N, C-alpha and C. Protein backbone atom coordinates (compact mmCIF):
# COMPACT_ATOMS: atom_id res chain seq x y z
N MET A 1 31.85 23.03 12.56
CA MET A 1 31.49 22.13 11.51
C MET A 1 30.25 22.26 10.38
N GLY A 2 30.23 23.59 9.60
CA GLY A 2 29.20 23.70 8.77
C GLY A 2 29.20 23.29 7.38
N ASN A 3 29.86 21.97 7.24
CA ASN A 3 29.94 21.16 6.06
C ASN A 3 28.41 20.96 5.51
N PHE A 4 27.31 20.63 6.40
CA PHE A 4 26.23 20.00 6.15
C PHE A 4 25.50 20.92 5.44
N PRO A 5 24.55 20.91 4.25
CA PRO A 5 23.96 21.50 3.59
C PRO A 5 22.74 21.57 4.32
N GLY A 6 22.32 22.66 4.53
CA GLY A 6 21.07 23.02 5.67
C GLY A 6 21.54 23.42 6.83
N GLY A 7 22.95 23.15 7.13
CA GLY A 7 23.09 23.84 8.36
C GLY A 7 23.52 22.38 9.30
N SER A 8 22.73 21.46 9.48
CA SER A 8 23.00 20.35 10.51
C SER A 8 22.96 18.99 9.85
N ALA A 9 23.32 18.15 10.57
CA ALA A 9 23.02 16.43 10.08
C ALA A 9 21.78 16.14 10.23
N TRP A 10 20.89 16.81 11.11
CA TRP A 10 19.57 16.64 11.33
C TRP A 10 18.82 17.12 10.31
N ALA A 11 19.02 18.27 10.11
CA ALA A 11 18.27 19.05 8.90
C ALA A 11 18.76 18.47 7.58
N MET A 12 20.13 17.83 7.20
CA MET A 12 20.19 17.55 5.85
C MET A 12 19.41 16.12 6.09
N ALA A 13 19.20 15.14 6.87
CA ALA A 13 18.69 14.01 6.86
C ALA A 13 17.17 14.35 7.00
N LYS A 14 16.36 15.31 7.12
CA LYS A 14 15.25 15.84 7.02
C LYS A 14 14.90 16.26 5.61
N ASP A 15 15.89 16.71 5.05
CA ASP A 15 16.02 17.18 3.79
C ASP A 15 16.00 15.85 2.82
N ILE A 16 16.80 15.14 3.03
CA ILE A 16 16.80 13.82 2.24
C ILE A 16 15.50 13.19 2.51
N ALA A 17 14.92 12.95 3.53
CA ALA A 17 13.53 12.56 3.82
C ALA A 17 12.29 13.08 3.19
N GLU A 18 12.67 14.41 2.96
CA GLU A 18 11.33 14.98 2.13
C GLU A 18 11.60 15.37 0.98
N GLY A 19 12.54 14.61 0.31
CA GLY A 19 13.22 14.84 -0.97
C GLY A 19 13.49 16.21 -1.64
N VAL A 20 14.04 17.04 -0.77
CA VAL A 20 14.41 18.42 -0.76
C VAL A 20 15.84 18.21 -1.45
N LEU A 21 16.77 17.32 -0.68
CA LEU A 21 17.85 17.17 -0.95
C LEU A 21 18.16 15.43 -1.68
N LEU A 22 18.25 15.31 -2.98
CA LEU A 22 18.68 14.17 -3.29
C LEU A 22 20.44 13.91 -3.36
N PRO A 23 20.63 13.03 -2.43
CA PRO A 23 21.97 12.61 -2.22
C PRO A 23 22.67 11.90 -3.26
N THR A 24 23.84 12.47 -3.64
CA THR A 24 24.52 11.59 -4.42
C THR A 24 26.27 11.11 -4.00
N GLU A 25 26.79 10.87 -4.67
CA GLU A 25 28.31 10.50 -4.09
C GLU A 25 29.28 11.92 -3.78
N ARG A 26 28.71 12.78 -4.86
CA ARG A 26 29.17 14.07 -4.34
C ARG A 26 28.82 15.03 -3.28
N SER A 27 27.76 14.53 -2.84
CA SER A 27 27.19 15.44 -1.54
C SER A 27 27.63 15.24 -0.46
N PHE A 28 28.65 14.00 -0.66
CA PHE A 28 29.42 13.74 0.93
C PHE A 28 30.89 14.06 0.77
N ILE A 29 31.52 14.51 -0.40
CA ILE A 29 32.93 14.90 -0.56
C ILE A 29 33.27 16.02 0.47
N ARG A 30 32.68 17.16 0.83
CA ARG A 30 33.08 17.96 1.84
C ARG A 30 33.02 17.47 3.30
N LEU A 31 32.49 16.56 3.24
CA LEU A 31 32.15 15.82 4.94
C LEU A 31 33.28 15.32 5.50
N GLN A 32 33.71 15.37 6.93
CA GLN A 32 34.69 14.63 7.31
C GLN A 32 34.02 13.22 7.92
N PRO A 33 35.20 12.40 8.10
CA PRO A 33 34.64 11.07 8.79
C PRO A 33 33.47 11.15 9.87
N PRO A 34 33.88 12.04 10.92
CA PRO A 34 33.07 12.16 11.86
C PRO A 34 31.58 12.67 11.61
N GLU A 35 31.76 13.59 10.67
CA GLU A 35 30.59 14.50 10.24
C GLU A 35 29.62 13.14 9.64
N MET A 36 30.26 12.45 8.66
CA MET A 36 29.63 11.38 7.95
C MET A 36 28.77 10.45 9.00
N GLU A 37 29.56 10.29 10.23
CA GLU A 37 28.91 9.25 11.14
C GLU A 37 27.75 9.80 11.82
N GLN A 38 28.05 11.15 12.20
CA GLN A 38 26.93 11.85 12.39
C GLN A 38 25.53 11.95 11.64
N LEU A 39 26.20 12.24 10.48
CA LEU A 39 24.85 12.38 9.39
C LEU A 39 24.08 10.59 9.44
N ALA A 40 25.03 9.75 9.37
CA ALA A 40 24.49 8.26 9.65
C ALA A 40 23.48 8.14 10.67
N PHE A 41 23.84 8.57 11.73
CA PHE A 41 23.03 8.86 13.37
C PHE A 41 22.04 9.36 12.84
N GLU A 42 21.91 10.47 12.31
CA GLU A 42 20.73 11.47 12.24
C GLU A 42 19.70 10.47 11.35
N ILE A 43 20.26 10.26 10.04
CA ILE A 43 19.51 9.49 9.19
C ILE A 43 18.75 8.11 9.63
N ASP A 44 19.49 7.50 10.69
CA ASP A 44 18.79 6.52 11.41
C ASP A 44 17.63 6.84 12.34
N ARG A 45 18.39 8.13 12.67
CA ARG A 45 17.24 8.47 13.75
C ARG A 45 15.99 8.93 13.00
N ALA A 46 15.72 9.65 11.90
CA ALA A 46 14.93 9.91 11.01
C ALA A 46 13.90 8.75 10.55
N LEU A 47 14.77 7.70 10.07
CA LEU A 47 14.17 6.36 9.85
C LEU A 47 13.43 5.95 10.70
N ARG A 48 13.85 5.53 12.11
CA ARG A 48 13.08 5.30 13.29
C ARG A 48 11.56 6.07 13.33
N ASP A 49 11.94 7.51 13.18
CA ASP A 49 10.81 8.43 13.45
C ASP A 49 9.86 8.10 12.23
N VAL A 50 10.12 7.80 10.91
CA VAL A 50 8.94 7.83 9.88
C VAL A 50 8.38 6.36 10.21
N ARG A 51 9.27 5.42 10.71
CA ARG A 51 8.48 3.88 10.58
C ARG A 51 7.71 3.99 11.74
N GLY A 52 7.90 4.91 12.91
CA GLY A 52 7.22 4.80 13.99
C GLY A 52 5.73 5.79 13.84
N ASN A 53 5.82 6.30 12.61
CA ASN A 53 4.42 6.99 12.42
C ASN A 53 3.67 6.40 11.42
N GLN A 54 2.86 5.46 11.84
CA GLN A 54 1.79 4.51 11.24
C GLN A 54 0.67 5.00 10.83
N PRO A 55 0.30 5.57 9.62
CA PRO A 55 -0.88 6.32 9.31
C PRO A 55 -2.16 4.99 9.09
N SER A 56 -3.12 5.27 8.96
CA SER A 56 -4.40 4.43 9.04
C SER A 56 -4.52 3.68 7.69
N LEU A 57 -4.40 2.71 7.54
CA LEU A 57 -4.52 2.01 6.23
C LEU A 57 -5.52 2.36 5.36
N GLU A 58 -6.34 3.05 5.53
CA GLU A 58 -7.43 3.70 4.42
C GLU A 58 -6.51 4.93 3.75
N ASP A 59 -5.83 5.38 4.56
CA ASP A 59 -5.17 6.63 3.96
C ASP A 59 -3.86 6.13 2.92
N GLN A 60 -4.04 6.23 1.97
CA GLN A 60 -3.34 5.32 0.79
C GLN A 60 -2.19 6.67 0.43
N ALA A 61 -2.80 8.21 0.62
CA ALA A 61 -1.89 9.04 0.15
C ALA A 61 -0.69 9.15 1.41
N ALA A 62 -1.18 9.09 2.73
CA ALA A 62 -0.31 9.16 4.04
C ALA A 62 0.93 8.07 3.66
N LEU A 63 0.09 6.52 3.26
CA LEU A 63 0.81 5.64 3.29
C LEU A 63 2.32 5.71 2.32
N GLN A 64 1.74 6.21 0.98
CA GLN A 64 2.69 6.33 0.18
C GLN A 64 3.92 7.31 0.36
N GLN A 65 3.52 8.29 1.21
CA GLN A 65 4.28 9.58 1.42
C GLN A 65 5.35 8.84 2.30
N ARG A 66 4.74 8.39 3.38
CA ARG A 66 5.74 7.81 4.25
C ARG A 66 6.61 6.55 3.71
N ASN A 67 6.07 5.74 2.58
CA ASN A 67 7.13 4.59 2.16
C ASN A 67 8.04 5.43 1.18
N ARG A 68 7.65 6.86 0.56
CA ARG A 68 8.49 7.42 -0.14
C ARG A 68 9.78 8.10 0.63
N LYS A 69 9.26 8.66 1.90
CA LYS A 69 10.59 9.02 2.70
C LYS A 69 11.43 7.82 3.49
N ILE A 70 10.98 6.67 3.48
CA ILE A 70 11.63 5.61 3.92
C ILE A 70 12.65 4.94 2.94
N MET A 71 12.16 5.13 1.95
CA MET A 71 12.93 4.78 0.41
C MET A 71 14.23 5.76 0.45
N ARG A 72 13.72 7.20 0.38
CA ARG A 72 14.63 7.98 0.33
C ARG A 72 15.77 7.97 1.27
N LEU A 73 15.61 7.95 2.43
CA LEU A 73 16.40 7.73 3.65
C LEU A 73 16.92 6.37 3.34
N ASN A 74 16.55 5.02 3.15
CA ASN A 74 17.37 4.16 2.92
C ASN A 74 18.62 4.27 1.84
N GLN A 75 18.00 4.56 0.83
CA GLN A 75 19.05 5.24 -0.27
C GLN A 75 19.81 6.10 -0.19
N GLY A 76 19.77 7.29 0.88
CA GLY A 76 20.82 8.04 1.28
C GLY A 76 21.67 7.44 2.13
N LEU A 77 21.20 6.76 3.14
CA LEU A 77 22.09 5.74 4.00
C LEU A 77 22.83 4.72 3.42
N SER A 78 22.30 4.48 2.42
CA SER A 78 23.13 3.34 1.40
C SER A 78 24.42 4.06 0.63
N MET A 79 23.98 5.56 0.05
CA MET A 79 25.13 6.23 -0.48
C MET A 79 26.03 6.64 0.69
N LEU A 80 25.71 7.06 1.58
CA LEU A 80 26.49 7.66 2.72
C LEU A 80 27.66 6.27 2.79
N ARG A 81 27.06 5.07 3.20
CA ARG A 81 28.25 4.10 3.42
C ARG A 81 29.12 3.57 2.47
N ALA A 82 28.48 3.65 1.20
CA ALA A 82 29.27 3.23 0.14
C ALA A 82 30.65 4.61 -0.24
N ALA A 83 30.21 5.83 -0.05
CA ALA A 83 31.38 7.03 0.25
C ALA A 83 32.36 6.75 1.46
N GLN A 84 31.60 6.36 2.71
CA GLN A 84 32.35 6.08 3.73
C GLN A 84 33.60 4.57 3.59
N ALA A 85 32.71 3.75 2.73
CA ALA A 85 33.85 2.74 2.28
C ALA A 85 34.84 2.83 1.36
N LYS A 86 34.72 4.06 0.47
CA LYS A 86 35.52 4.44 -0.41
C LYS A 86 36.52 5.19 0.11
N ARG A 87 36.36 5.89 1.19
CA ARG A 87 37.36 6.78 1.93
C ARG A 87 38.27 5.67 2.69
N ARG A 88 37.79 4.74 3.31
CA ARG A 88 38.81 4.25 4.08
C ARG A 88 39.92 3.20 3.70
N PRO A 89 41.11 3.46 4.46
CA PRO A 89 42.45 2.95 3.76
C PRO A 89 42.27 1.42 3.09
N ALA A 90 42.67 0.87 2.54
CA ALA A 90 42.94 -0.41 2.01
C ALA A 90 43.44 -1.33 3.46
N PRO A 91 43.24 -2.21 3.80
CA PRO A 91 43.84 -2.85 4.62
C PRO A 91 45.20 -3.43 4.24
N THR A 92 46.31 -3.21 4.92
CA THR A 92 47.66 -3.80 4.68
C THR A 92 47.94 -4.95 4.95
N PRO A 93 48.72 -6.00 3.99
CA PRO A 93 48.97 -7.27 4.34
C PRO A 93 49.89 -7.45 5.45
N PRO A 94 49.76 -8.54 6.26
CA PRO A 94 50.76 -8.65 7.11
C PRO A 94 52.12 -8.75 6.58
N PRO A 95 53.17 -8.45 7.37
CA PRO A 95 54.89 -8.42 6.89
C PRO A 95 54.66 -10.00 6.84
N GLY A 96 55.55 -10.29 5.76
CA GLY A 96 56.30 -11.46 5.33
C GLY A 96 55.20 -12.13 3.92
N GLY A 97 54.42 -11.33 3.85
CA GLY A 97 53.29 -11.82 2.53
C GLY A 97 52.54 -12.83 2.98
N PRO A 98 51.86 -13.43 2.35
CA PRO A 98 50.51 -14.33 2.54
C PRO A 98 51.13 -15.39 3.19
N ALA A 99 50.25 -16.17 4.10
CA ALA A 99 50.69 -17.34 4.75
C ALA A 99 50.17 -18.53 3.89
N ARG A 100 51.34 -19.25 3.52
CA ARG A 100 50.98 -20.71 2.90
C ARG A 100 50.91 -21.72 3.45
N GLY A 101 50.21 -22.66 3.26
CA GLY A 101 49.90 -23.86 4.00
C GLY A 101 50.11 -25.12 3.57
């Protein structure tokens, strides 16, 4: 499963957090559904790691960097979820048409 830019889902999540990779809808075209789930897991894990690292309130530069990472990861996860939703097949209506009451 070498479809991840950077080699693995963890590396891709790290690149998104650092701003090296700016995910777009096209970033996820080559990924299969299991790979997308793996990437979502790694982005969630990266978010927990970044949120767990609380810099001093006096260190404004570190706070801004942390907030930028959180923002990038949240946006990447949002785009990933949207790409997953587009790939899901539309639900089929029940046989016999809609129920009327």
